[in-house]
């Protein structure tokens, strides 16, 4: 079983002795699982970036100018010099 006292301190946890023991055993099991993965021969295997195909189903991004500035500012409750005017948020 691993001593998890250092991990407990880093995570700022206060575990009871029983919890510390249980967590230590679980961490040991977890580390054992990673050790098994390390033994797998992956020589010549390309890394998998995504399980999905690398094609996009979205349309091409095209810049369209649908509204003029004046049309957009018609919805503004307040405006100043051709821009939306909003209440100040910083003091």
Protein backbone atom coordinates (compact mmCIF):
# COMPACT_ATOMS: atom_id res chain seq x y z
CA UNK A 1 0.00 0.00 0.00
CA UNK A 2 1.25 3.47 -0.86
CA UNK A 3 1.68 6.13 1.78
CA UNK A 4 -0.86 8.72 0.73
CA UNK A 5 0.00 11.27 3.41
CA UNK A 6 1.76 13.55 0.91
CA UNK A 7 -1.15 13.32 -1.54
CA UNK A 8 -3.58 13.97 1.28
CA UNK A 9 -1.66 17.12 2.24
CA UNK A 10 -1.46 18.37 -1.38
CA UNK A 11 -5.21 17.92 -1.83
CA UNK A 12 -5.78 19.56 1.57
CA UNK A 13 -7.84 16.59 2.77
CA UNK A 14 -8.30 15.32 6.28
CA UNK A 15 -9.02 11.61 6.04
CA UNK A 16 -9.86 9.23 8.82
CA UNK A 17 -7.49 6.27 9.23
CA UNK A 18 -9.98 3.88 7.58
CA UNK A 19 -10.47 6.23 4.65
CA UNK A 20 -6.72 6.68 4.26
CA UNK A 21 -6.23 2.93 4.16
CA UNK A 22 -9.03 2.37 1.62
CA UNK A 23 -7.83 5.19 -0.60
CA UNK A 24 -4.26 3.88 -0.42
CA UNK A 25 -5.40 0.45 -1.64
CA UNK A 26 -7.41 2.01 -4.46
CA UNK A 27 -4.44 4.10 -5.57
CA UNK A 28 -2.23 1.01 -5.52
CA UNK A 29 -4.76 -0.84 -7.72
CA UNK A 30 -4.94 2.13 -10.07
CA UNK A 31 -1.16 2.32 -10.38
CA UNK A 32 -1.08 -1.42 -11.09
CA UNK A 33 -3.51 -0.88 -13.97
CA UNK A 34 -1.25 1.76 -15.48
CA UNK A 35 1.73 -0.54 -15.09
CA UNK A 36 -0.12 -3.16 -17.15
CA UNK A 37 -0.71 -0.58 -19.88
CA UNK A 38 2.98 0.31 -19.91
CA UNK A 39 3.83 -3.30 -20.81
CA UNK A 40 1.81 -3.19 -24.05
CA UNK A 41 3.97 -3.01 -27.18
CA UNK A 42 2.86 0.04 -29.14
CA UNK A 43 5.83 0.17 -31.50
CA UNK A 44 4.67 1.31 -34.94
CA UNK A 45 1.15 2.19 -33.80
CA UNK A 46 0.09 5.70 -34.81
CA UNK A 47 -1.36 7.79 -32.02
CA UNK A 48 -5.12 8.17 -32.06
CA UNK A 49 -6.10 11.83 -31.99
CA UNK A 50 -9.85 11.33 -32.21
CA UNK A 51 -12.25 8.45 -32.55
CA UNK A 52 -14.31 10.57 -34.92
CA UNK A 53 -13.57 11.10 -38.58
CA UNK A 54 -11.57 14.18 -39.48
CA UNK A 55 -14.14 15.66 -41.84
CA UNK A 56 -16.37 18.58 -40.99
CA UNK A 57 -20.10 18.41 -41.60
CA UNK A 58 -20.34 22.17 -41.19
CA UNK A 59 -20.50 24.54 -44.12
CA UNK A 60 -17.55 26.71 -45.07
CA UNK A 61 -17.26 29.83 -42.98
CA UNK A 62 -18.02 32.80 -45.16
CA UNK A 63 -18.07 36.42 -44.02
CA UNK A 64 -21.37 38.00 -44.97
CA UNK A 65 -22.39 41.57 -44.40
CA UNK A 66 -26.12 41.25 -43.76
CA UNK A 67 -26.78 44.50 -41.90
CA UNK A 68 -25.38 47.99 -41.98
CA UNK A 69 -24.14 49.64 -38.80
CA UNK A 70 -27.17 51.93 -38.77
CA UNK A 71 -29.56 48.97 -39.03
CA UNK A 72 -27.86 47.24 -36.10
CA UNK A 73 -27.87 50.40 -33.98
CA UNK A 74 -31.63 50.71 -34.43
CA UNK A 75 -31.89 48.03 -31.68
CA UNK A 76 -29.59 49.89 -29.29
CA UNK A 77 -31.33 51.47 -26.30
CA UNK A 78 -28.51 54.04 -26.25
CA UNK A 79 -25.72 54.80 -28.71
CA UNK A 80 -22.79 57.17 -28.94
CA UNK A 81 -20.67 57.92 -32.01
CA UNK A 82 -21.97 54.90 -33.93
CA UNK A 83 -21.44 52.39 -31.09
CA UNK A 84 -23.62 50.75 -28.47
CA UNK A 85 -23.49 52.70 -25.21
CA UNK A 86 -23.68 50.60 -22.05
CA UNK A 87 -23.50 51.48 -18.37
CA UNK A 88 -20.03 51.49 -16.86
CA UNK A 89 -19.08 48.33 -14.98
CA UNK A 90 -15.76 49.38 -13.43
CA UNK A 91 -15.30 52.08 -10.86
